[in-house]
Amino acid sequence: MTLFEEKQMRIEAATIGAQIVLKRLGLIKDEISQAEAFREFGQATVRSWQNQGLVTRIKTGQRNSKATYSRIELETIRNIENQRKLKT
């Protein structure tokens, strides 16, 4: 891993840490709708991560209730995958 790659990885980790703190303080909303997650990260990608147990689909009600995902969780997995791609 180059110094630049390590720097980027640490910046991303710090950013995600800050987002978690802001979420816990109630200053930002972390949940995004399933439709938004599919648009931003790709439907096949989100479903693959879900099937692998890497992200959790949140559905509070029955049948037609809205499904959501944690944006922090999705961004974390995407960052990890991007870092792995850089290593190969």
PDB file of N, CA and C in Angstrom:
ATOM      1  N   MET A   1       0.853  -1.172   0.000  1.00  0.00           N
ATOM      2  CA  MET A   1       0.000   0.000   0.000  1.00  0.00           C
ATOM      3  C   MET A   1       0.899   1.235   0.000  1.00  0.00           C
ATOM      4  N   THR A   2       0.586   2.152  -0.873  1.00  0.00           N
ATOM      5  CA  THR A   2       1.374   3.373  -0.942  1.00  0.00           C
ATOM      6  C   THR A   2       0.962   4.329   0.175  1.00  0.00           C
ATOM      7  N   LEU A   3       1.791   5.304   0.400  1.00  0.00           N
ATOM      8  CA  LEU A   3       1.500   6.314   1.414  1.00  0.00           C
ATOM      9  C   LEU A   3       0.202   7.058   1.075  1.00  0.00           C
ATOM     10  N   PHE A   4       0.007   7.355  -0.206  1.00  0.00           N
ATOM     11  CA  PHE A   4      -1.211   8.038  -0.647  1.00  0.00           C
ATOM     12  C   PHE A   4      -2.443   7.193  -0.353  1.00  0.00           C
ATOM     13  N   GLU A   5      -2.393   5.897  -0.656  1.00  0.00           N
ATOM     14  CA  GLU A   5      -3.528   5.009  -0.418  1.00  0.00           C
ATOM     15  C   GLU A   5      -3.842   4.909   1.077  1.00  0.00           C
ATOM     16  N   GLU A   6      -2.794   4.819   1.888  1.00  0.00           N
ATOM     17  CA  GLU A   6      -3.003   4.751   3.330  1.00  0.00           C
ATOM     18  C   GLU A   6      -3.615   6.041   3.853  1.00  0.00           C
ATOM     19  N   LYS A   7      -3.154   7.170   3.325  1.00  0.00           N
ATOM     20  CA  LYS A   7      -3.722   8.468   3.722  1.00  0.00           C
ATOM     21  C   LYS A   7      -5.203   8.515   3.382  1.00  0.00           C
ATOM     22  N   GLN A   8      -5.567   8.096   2.178  1.00  0.00           N
ATOM     23  CA  GLN A   8      -6.966   8.100   1.752  1.00  0.00           C
ATOM     24  C   GLN A   8      -7.807   7.195   2.642  1.00  0.00           C
ATOM     25  N   MET A   9      -7.275   6.029   2.976  1.00  0.00           N
ATOM     26  CA  MET A   9      -7.995   5.085   3.811  1.00  0.00           C
ATOM     27  C   MET A   9      -8.254   5.680   5.199  1.00  0.00           C
ATOM     28  N   ARG A  10      -7.275   6.353   5.748  1.00  0.00           N
ATOM     29  CA  ARG A  10      -7.440   6.950   7.070  1.00  0.00           C
ATOM     30  C   ARG A  10      -8.416   8.123   7.050  1.00  0.00           C
ATOM     31  N   ILE A  11      -8.386   8.907   5.983  1.00  0.00           N
ATOM     32  CA  ILE A  11      -9.344  10.012   5.852  1.00  0.00           C
ATOM     33  C   ILE A  11     -10.763   9.462   5.768  1.00  0.00           C
ATOM     34  N   GLU A  12     -10.964   8.401   4.981  1.00  0.00           N
ATOM     35  CA  GLU A  12     -12.283   7.791   4.860  1.00  0.00           C
ATOM     36  C   GLU A  12     -12.746   7.234   6.205  1.00  0.00           C
ATOM     37  N   ALA A  13     -11.835   6.613   6.949  1.00  0.00           N
ATOM     38  CA  ALA A  13     -12.185   6.066   8.271  1.00  0.00           C
ATOM     39  C   ALA A  13     -12.586   7.186   9.229  1.00  0.00           C
ATOM     40  N   ALA A  14     -11.848   8.275   9.204  1.00  0.00           N
ATOM     41  CA  ALA A  14     -12.170   9.411  10.075  1.00  0.00           C
ATOM     42  C   ALA A  14     -13.516  10.023   9.692  1.00  0.00           C
ATOM     43  N   THR A  15     -13.787  10.107   8.413  1.00  0.00           N
ATOM     44  CA  THR A  15     -15.058  10.658   7.931  1.00  0.00           C
ATOM     45  C   THR A  15     -16.220   9.790   8.391  1.00  0.00           C
ATOM     46  N   ILE A  16     -16.074   8.493   8.256  1.00  0.00           N
ATOM     47  CA  ILE A  16     -17.132   7.584   8.687  1.00  0.00           C
ATOM     48  C   ILE A  16     -17.309   7.667  10.199  1.00  0.00           C
ATOM     49  N   GLY A  17     -16.219   7.759  10.942  1.00  0.00           N
ATOM     50  CA  GLY A  17     -16.302   7.913  12.396  1.00  0.00           C
ATOM     51  C   GLY A  17     -17.062   9.173  12.777  1.00  0.00           C
ATOM     52  N   ALA A  18     -16.784  10.260  12.077  1.00  0.00           N
ATOM     53  CA  ALA A  18     -17.487  11.517  12.345  1.00  0.00           C
ATOM     54  C   ALA A  18     -18.978  11.382  12.029  1.00  0.00           C
ATOM     55  N   GLN A  19     -19.308  10.684  10.944  1.00  0.00           N
ATOM     56  CA  GLN A  19     -20.715  10.477  10.590  1.00  0.00           C
ATOM     57  C   GLN A  19     -21.433   9.677  11.671  1.00  0.00           C
ATOM     58  N   ILE A  20     -20.768   8.673  12.221  1.00  0.00           N
ATOM     59  CA  ILE A  20     -21.379   7.868  13.278  1.00  0.00           C
ATOM     60  C   ILE A  20     -21.672   8.733  14.500  1.00  0.00           C
ATOM     61  N   VAL A  21     -20.732   9.595  14.872  1.00  0.00           N
ATOM     62  CA  VAL A  21     -20.935  10.482  16.019  1.00  0.00           C
ATOM     63  C   VAL A  21     -22.101  11.428  15.752  1.00  0.00           C
ATOM     64  N   LEU A  22     -22.144  12.029  14.575  1.00  0.00           N
ATOM     65  CA  LEU A  22     -23.234  12.942  14.233  1.00  0.00           C
ATOM     66  C   LEU A  22     -24.585  12.238  14.251  1.00  0.00           C
ATOM     67  N   LYS A  23     -24.611  10.978  13.801  1.00  0.00           N
ATOM     68  CA  LYS A  23     -25.848  10.194  13.823  1.00  0.00           C
ATOM     69  C   LYS A  23     -26.291   9.962  15.263  1.00  0.00           C
ATOM     70  N   ARG A  24     -25.359   9.570  16.106  1.00  0.00           N
ATOM     71  CA  ARG A  24     -25.698   9.287  17.503  1.00  0.00           C
ATOM     72  C   ARG A  24     -26.173  10.542  18.240  1.00  0.00           C
ATOM     73  N   LEU A  25     -25.671  11.693  17.833  1.00  0.00           N
ATOM     74  CA  LEU A  25     -26.108  12.955  18.430  1.00  0.00           C
ATOM     75  C   LEU A  25     -27.435  13.439  17.845  1.00  0.00           C
ATOM     76  N   GLY A  26     -27.908  12.745  16.807  1.00  0.00           N
ATOM     77  CA  GLY A  26     -29.167  13.110  16.179  1.00  0.00           C
ATOM     78  C   GLY A  26     -29.052  14.286  15.233  1.00  0.00           C
ATOM     79  N   LEU A  27     -27.845  14.600  14.794  1.00  0.00           N
ATOM     80  CA  LEU A  27     -27.640  15.756  13.919  1.00  0.00           C
ATOM     81  C   LEU A  27     -27.748  15.407  12.437  1.00  0.00           C
ATOM     82  N   ILE A  28     -27.605  14.126  12.098  1.00  0.00           N
ATOM     83  CA  ILE A  28     -27.798  13.704  10.712  1.00  0.00           C
ATOM     84  C   ILE A  28     -28.654  12.446  10.695  1.00  0.00           C
ATOM     85  N   LYS A  29     -29.303  12.224   9.575  1.00  0.00           N
ATOM     86  CA  LYS A  29     -30.118  11.034   9.378  1.00  0.00           C
ATOM     87  C   LYS A  29     -29.282  10.053   8.558  1.00  0.00           C
ATOM     88  N   ASP A  30     -29.177   8.835   9.040  1.00  0.00           N
ATOM     89  CA  ASP A  30     -28.342   7.836   8.384  1.00  0.00           C
ATOM     90  C   ASP A  30     -29.122   6.960   7.419  1.00  0.00           C
ATOM     91  N   GLU A  31     -30.386   6.754   7.676  1.00  0.00           N
ATOM     92  CA  GLU A  31     -31.167   5.834   6.852  1.00  0.00           C
ATOM     93  C   GLU A  31     -31.492   6.435   5.492  1.00  0.00           C
ATOM     94  N   ILE A  32     -31.340   5.581   4.458  1.00  0.00           N
ATOM     95  CA  ILE A  32     -31.767   5.968   3.118  1.00  0.00           C
ATOM     96  C   ILE A  32     -32.718   4.890   2.609  1.00  0.00           C
ATOM     97  N   SER A  33     -33.621   5.284   1.743  1.00  0.00           N
ATOM     98  CA  SER A  33     -34.594   4.326   1.216  1.00  0.00           C
ATOM     99  C   SER A  33     -33.894   3.298   0.335  1.00  0.00           C
ATOM    100  N   GLN A  34     -34.572   2.187   0.144  1.00  0.00           N
ATOM    101  CA  GLN A  34     -34.018   1.147  -0.713  1.00  0.00           C
ATOM    102  C   GLN A  34     -33.824   1.664  -2.138  1.00  0.00           C
ATOM    103  N   ALA A  35     -34.788   2.433  -2.619  1.00  0.00           N
ATOM    104  CA  ALA A  35     -34.684   2.983  -3.979  1.00  0.00           C
ATOM    105  C   ALA A  35     -33.466   3.889  -4.106  1.00  0.00           C
ATOM    106  N   GLU A  36     -33.233   4.718  -3.097  1.00  0.00           N
ATOM    107  CA  GLU A  36     -32.074   5.608  -3.119  1.00  0.00           C
ATOM    108  C   GLU A  36     -30.769   4.811  -3.040  1.00  0.00           C
ATOM    109  N   ALA A  37     -30.746   3.772  -2.212  1.00  0.00           N
ATOM    110  CA  ALA A  37     -29.559   2.921  -2.103  1.00  0.00           C
ATOM    111  C   ALA A  37     -29.258   2.257  -3.438  1.00  0.00           C
ATOM    112  N   PHE A  38     -30.302   1.773  -4.119  1.00  0.00           N
ATOM    113  CA  PHE A  38     -30.119   1.137  -5.426  1.00  0.00           C
ATOM    114  C   PHE A  38     -29.571   2.133  -6.446  1.00  0.00           C
ATOM    115  N   ARG A  39     -30.081   3.371  -6.424  1.00  0.00           N
ATOM    116  CA  ARG A  39     -29.599   4.391  -7.366  1.00  0.00           C
ATOM    117  C   ARG A  39     -28.137   4.741  -7.113  1.00  0.00           C
ATOM    118  N   GLU A  40     -27.795   4.937  -5.849  1.00  0.00           N
ATOM    119  CA  GLU A  40     -26.453   5.406  -5.511  1.00  0.00           C
ATOM    120  C   GLU A  40     -25.385   4.315  -5.570  1.00  0.00           C
ATOM    121  N   PHE A  41     -25.734   3.107  -5.160  1.00  0.00           N
ATOM    122  CA  PHE A  41     -24.736   2.041  -5.055  1.00  0.00           C
ATOM    123  C   PHE A  41     -24.931   0.924  -6.072  1.00  0.00           C
ATOM    124  N   GLY A  42     -26.083   0.910  -6.737  1.00  0.00           N
ATOM    125  CA  GLY A  42     -26.395  -0.129  -7.710  1.00  0.00           C
ATOM    126  C   GLY A  42     -27.210  -1.246  -7.068  1.00  0.00           C
ATOM    127  N   GLN A  43     -28.299  -1.613  -7.723  1.00  0.00           N
ATOM    128  CA  GLN A  43     -29.193  -2.619  -7.158  1.00  0.00           C
ATOM    129  C   GLN A  43     -28.482  -3.951  -6.957  1.00  0.00           C
ATOM    130  N   ALA A  44     -27.758  -4.415  -7.970  1.00  0.00           N
ATOM    131  CA  ALA A  44     -27.072  -5.705  -7.864  1.00  0.00           C
ATOM    132  C   ALA A  44     -26.031  -5.683  -6.748  1.00  0.00           C
ATOM    133  N   THR A  45     -25.350  -4.560  -6.597  1.00  0.00           N
ATOM    134  CA  THR A  45     -24.328  -4.433  -5.562  1.00  0.00           C
ATOM    135  C   THR A  45     -24.952  -4.491  -4.174  1.00  0.00           C
ATOM    136  N   VAL A  46     -26.014  -3.729  -3.951  1.00  0.00           N
ATOM    137  CA  VAL A  46     -26.674  -3.705  -2.643  1.00  0.00           C
ATOM    138  C   VAL A  46     -27.231  -5.086  -2.308  1.00  0.00           C
ATOM    139  N   ARG A  47     -27.874  -5.721  -3.272  1.00  0.00           N
ATOM    140  CA  ARG A  47     -28.427  -7.066  -3.026  1.00  0.00           C
ATOM    141  C   ARG A  47     -27.309  -8.067  -2.724  1.00  0.00           C
ATOM    142  N   SER A  48     -26.200  -7.955  -3.436  1.00  0.00           N
ATOM    143  CA  SER A  48     -25.061  -8.848  -3.193  1.00  0.00           C
ATOM    144  C   SER A  48     -24.518  -8.662  -1.778  1.00  0.00           C
ATOM    145  N   TRP A  49     -24.332  -7.411  -1.369  1.00  0.00           N
ATOM    146  CA  TRP A  49     -23.847  -7.131  -0.017  1.00  0.00           C
ATOM    147  C   TRP A  49     -24.831  -7.657   1.027  1.00  0.00           C
ATOM    148  N   GLN A  50     -26.124  -7.509   0.748  1.00  0.00           N
ATOM    149  CA  GLN A  50     -27.143  -7.990   1.677  1.00  0.00           C
ATOM    150  C   GLN A  50     -27.074  -9.517   1.780  1.00  0.00           C
ATOM    151  N   ASN A  51     -26.965 -10.202   0.662  1.00  0.00           N
ATOM    152  CA  ASN A  51     -26.893 -11.667   0.656  1.00  0.00           C
ATOM    153  C   ASN A  51     -25.651 -12.182   1.373  1.00  0.00           C
ATOM    154  N   GLN A  52     -24.570 -11.398   1.329  1.00  0.00           N
ATOM    155  CA  GLN A  52     -23.335 -11.774   2.012  1.00  0.00           C
ATOM    156  C   GLN A  52     -23.349 -11.411   3.498  1.00  0.00           C
ATOM    157  N   GLY A  53     -24.403 -10.717   3.919  1.00  0.00           N
ATOM    158  CA  GLY A  53     -24.516 -10.309   5.315  1.00  0.00           C
ATOM    159  C   GLY A  53     -23.682  -9.088   5.661  1.00  0.00           C
ATOM    160  N   LEU A  54     -23.268  -8.333   4.640  1.00  0.00           N
ATOM    161  CA  LEU A  54     -22.429  -7.156   4.861  1.00  0.00           C
ATOM    162  C   LEU A  54     -23.232  -5.910   5.204  1.00  0.00           C
ATOM    163  N   VAL A  55     -24.478  -5.846   4.727  1.00  0.00           N
ATOM    164  CA  VAL A  55     -25.372  -4.733   5.058  1.00  0.00           C
ATOM    165  C   VAL A  55     -26.713  -5.303   5.496  1.00  0.00           C
ATOM    166  N   THR A  56     -27.423  -4.519   6.266  1.00  0.00           N
ATOM    167  CA  THR A  56     -28.710  -4.954   6.807  1.00  0.00           C
ATOM    168  C   THR A  56     -29.838  -4.143   6.205  1.00  0.00           C
ATOM    169  N   ARG A  57     -30.818  -4.836   5.682  1.00  0.00           N
ATOM    170  CA  ARG A  57     -32.031  -4.191   5.179  1.00  0.00           C
ATOM    171  C   ARG A  57     -32.961  -3.993   6.368  1.00  0.00           C
ATOM    172  N   ILE A  58     -33.425  -2.765   6.564  1.00  0.00           N
ATOM    173  CA  ILE A  58     -34.267  -2.430   7.706  1.00  0.00           C
ATOM    174  C   ILE A  58     -35.698  -2.246   7.212  1.00  0.00           C
ATOM    175  N   LYS A  59     -36.590  -3.044   7.755  1.00  0.00           N
ATOM    176  CA  LYS A  59     -38.000  -2.936   7.380  1.00  0.00           C
ATOM    177  C   LYS A  59     -38.810  -3.052   8.657  1.00  0.00           C
ATOM    178  N   THR A  60     -39.448  -1.957   9.053  1.00  0.00           N
ATOM    179  CA  THR A  60     -40.116  -1.909  10.356  1.00  0.00           C
ATOM    180  C   THR A  60     -41.512  -2.505  10.338  1.00  0.00           C
ATOM    181  N   GLY A  61     -42.198  -2.459   9.222  1.00  0.00           N
ATOM    182  CA  GLY A  61     -43.570  -2.952   9.168  1.00  0.00           C
ATOM    183  C   GLY A  61     -43.688  -4.201   8.314  1.00  0.00           C
ATOM    184  N   GLN A  62     -44.894  -4.475   7.903  1.00  0.00           N
ATOM    185  CA  GLN A  62     -45.199  -5.632   7.069  1.00  0.00           C
ATOM    186  C   GLN A  62     -45.415  -5.213   5.622  1.00  0.00           C
ATOM    187  N   ARG A  63     -45.448  -6.141   4.754  1.00  0.00           N
ATOM    188  CA  ARG A  63     -45.791  -5.989   3.337  1.00  0.00           C
ATOM    189  C   ARG A  63     -45.251  -4.742   2.650  1.00  0.00           C
ATOM    190  N   ASN A  64     -46.055  -3.690   2.574  1.00  0.00           N
ATOM    191  CA  ASN A  64     -45.712  -2.504   1.784  1.00  0.00           C
ATOM    192  C   ASN A  64     -44.929  -1.441   2.553  1.00  0.00           C
ATOM    193  N   SER A  65     -44.418  -1.781   3.719  1.00  0.00           N
ATOM    194  CA  SER A  65     -43.671  -0.769   4.472  1.00  0.00           C
ATOM    195  C   SER A  65     -42.336  -0.504   3.788  1.00  0.00           C
ATOM    196  N   LYS A  66     -41.836   0.680   3.999  1.00  0.00           N
ATOM    197  CA  LYS A  66     -40.614   1.150   3.349  1.00  0.00           C
ATOM    198  C   LYS A  66     -39.384   0.413   3.893  1.00  0.00           C
ATOM    199  N   ALA A  67     -38.545  -0.070   2.982  1.00  0.00           N
ATOM    200  CA  ALA A  67     -37.288  -0.700   3.363  1.00  0.00           C
ATOM    201  C   ALA A  67     -36.184   0.345   3.292  1.00  0.00           C
ATOM    202  N   THR A  68     -35.295   0.334   4.260  1.00  0.00           N
ATOM    203  CA  THR A  68     -34.195   1.305   4.295  1.00  0.00           C
ATOM    204  C   THR A  68     -32.877   0.592   4.571  1.00  0.00           C
ATOM    205  N   TYR A  69     -31.800   1.332   4.366  1.00  0.00           N
ATOM    206  CA  TYR A  69     -30.447   0.860   4.648  1.00  0.00           C
ATOM    207  C   TYR A  69     -29.693   1.966   5.373  1.00  0.00           C
ATOM    208  N   SER A  70     -28.643   1.599   6.054  1.00  0.00           N
ATOM    209  CA  SER A  70     -27.763   2.576   6.691  1.00  0.00           C
ATOM    210  C   SER A  70     -26.769   3.086   5.650  1.00  0.00           C
ATOM    211  N   ARG A  71     -26.775   4.391   5.440  1.00  0.00           N
ATOM    212  CA  ARG A  71     -25.827   4.981   4.484  1.00  0.00           C
ATOM    213  C   ARG A  71     -24.381   4.747   4.941  1.00  0.00           C
ATOM    214  N   ILE A  72     -24.139   4.853   6.241  1.00  0.00           N
ATOM    215  CA  ILE A  72     -22.790   4.644   6.763  1.00  0.00           C
ATOM    216  C   ILE A  72     -22.324   3.228   6.473  1.00  0.00           C
ATOM    217  N   GLU A  73     -23.204   2.258   6.666  1.00  0.00           N
ATOM    218  CA  GLU A  73     -22.865   0.865   6.402  1.00  0.00           C
ATOM    219  C   GLU A  73     -22.543   0.655   4.920  1.00  0.00           C
ATOM    220  N   LEU A  74     -23.381   1.200   4.051  1.00  0.00           N
ATOM    221  CA  LEU A  74     -23.169   1.059   2.607  1.00  0.00           C
ATOM    222  C   LEU A  74     -21.854   1.724   2.174  1.00  0.00           C
ATOM    223  N   GLU A  75     -21.608   2.931   2.657  1.00  0.00           N
ATOM    224  CA  GLU A  75     -20.381   3.646   2.280  1.00  0.00           C
ATOM    225  C   GLU A  75     -19.138   2.923   2.803  1.00  0.00           C
ATOM    226  N   THR A  76     -19.247   2.342   3.983  1.00  0.00           N
ATOM    227  CA  THR A  76     -18.113   1.608   4.542  1.00  0.00           C
ATOM    228  C   THR A  76     -17.748   0.418   3.669  1.00  0.00           C
ATOM    229  N   ILE A  77     -18.738  -0.365   3.264  1.00  0.00           N
ATOM    230  CA  ILE A  77     -18.485  -1.528   2.416  1.00  0.00           C
ATOM    231  C   ILE A  77     -17.925  -1.090   1.066  1.00  0.00           C
ATOM    232  N   ARG A  78     -18.479  -0.016   0.505  1.00  0.00           N
ATOM    233  CA  ARG A  78     -17.960   0.473  -0.782  1.00  0.00           C
ATOM    234  C   ARG A  78     -16.502   0.904  -0.651  1.00  0.00           C
ATOM    235  N   ASN A  79     -16.155   1.594   0.432  1.00  0.00           N
ATOM    236  CA  ASN A  79     -14.774   2.028   0.652  1.00  0.00           C
ATOM    237  C   ASN A  79     -13.831   0.839   0.798  1.00  0.00           C
ATOM    238  N   ILE A  80     -14.269  -0.178   1.522  1.00  0.00           N
ATOM    239  CA  ILE A  80     -13.440  -1.375   1.690  1.00  0.00           C
ATOM    240  C   ILE A  80     -13.200  -2.047   0.342  1.00  0.00           C
ATOM    241  N   GLU A  81     -14.264  -2.182  -0.446  1.00  0.00           N
ATOM    242  CA  GLU A  81     -14.110  -2.801  -1.765  1.00  0.00           C
ATOM    243  C   GLU A  81     -13.190  -1.987  -2.663  1.00  0.00           C
ATOM    244  N   ASN A  82     -13.316  -0.662  -2.622  1.00  0.00           N
ATOM    245  CA  ASN A  82     -12.433   0.183  -3.427  1.00  0.00           C
ATOM    246  C   ASN A  82     -10.974   0.039  -3.009  1.00  0.00           C
ATOM    247  N   GLN A  83     -10.720  -0.043  -1.705  1.00  0.00           N
ATOM    248  CA  GLN A  83      -9.359  -0.223  -1.218  1.00  0.00           C
ATOM    249  C   GLN A  83      -8.796  -1.565  -1.679  1.00  0.00           C
ATOM    250  N   ARG A  84      -9.606  -2.595  -1.646  1.00  0.00           N
ATOM    251  CA  ARG A  84      -9.154  -3.915  -2.099  1.00  0.00           C
ATOM    252  C   ARG A  84      -8.817  -3.907  -3.568  1.00  0.00           C
ATOM    253  N   LYS A  85      -9.595  -3.173  -4.371  1.00  0.00           N
ATOM    254  CA  LYS A  85      -9.327  -3.081  -5.800  1.00  0.00           C
ATOM    255  C   LYS A  85      -7.997  -2.377  -6.048  1.00  0.00           C
ATOM    256  N   LEU A  86      -7.671  -1.376  -5.233  1.00  0.00           N
ATOM    257  CA  LEU A  86      -6.417  -0.657  -5.397  1.00  0.00           C
ATOM    258  C   LEU A  86      -5.215  -1.548  -5.080  1.00  0.00           C
ATOM    259  N   LYS A  87      -5.395  -2.494  -4.186  1.00  0.00           N
ATOM    260  CA  LYS A  87      -4.287  -3.366  -3.782  1.00  0.00           C
ATOM    261  C   LYS A  87      -3.945  -4.387  -4.856  1.00  0.00           C
ATOM    262  N   THR A  88      -4.925  -4.732  -5.703  1.00  0.00           N
ATOM    263  CA  THR A  88      -4.661  -5.763  -6.716  1.00  0.00           C
ATOM    264  C   THR A  88      -4.197  -5.192  -8.013  1.00  0.00           C
TER     265      THR A  88
END
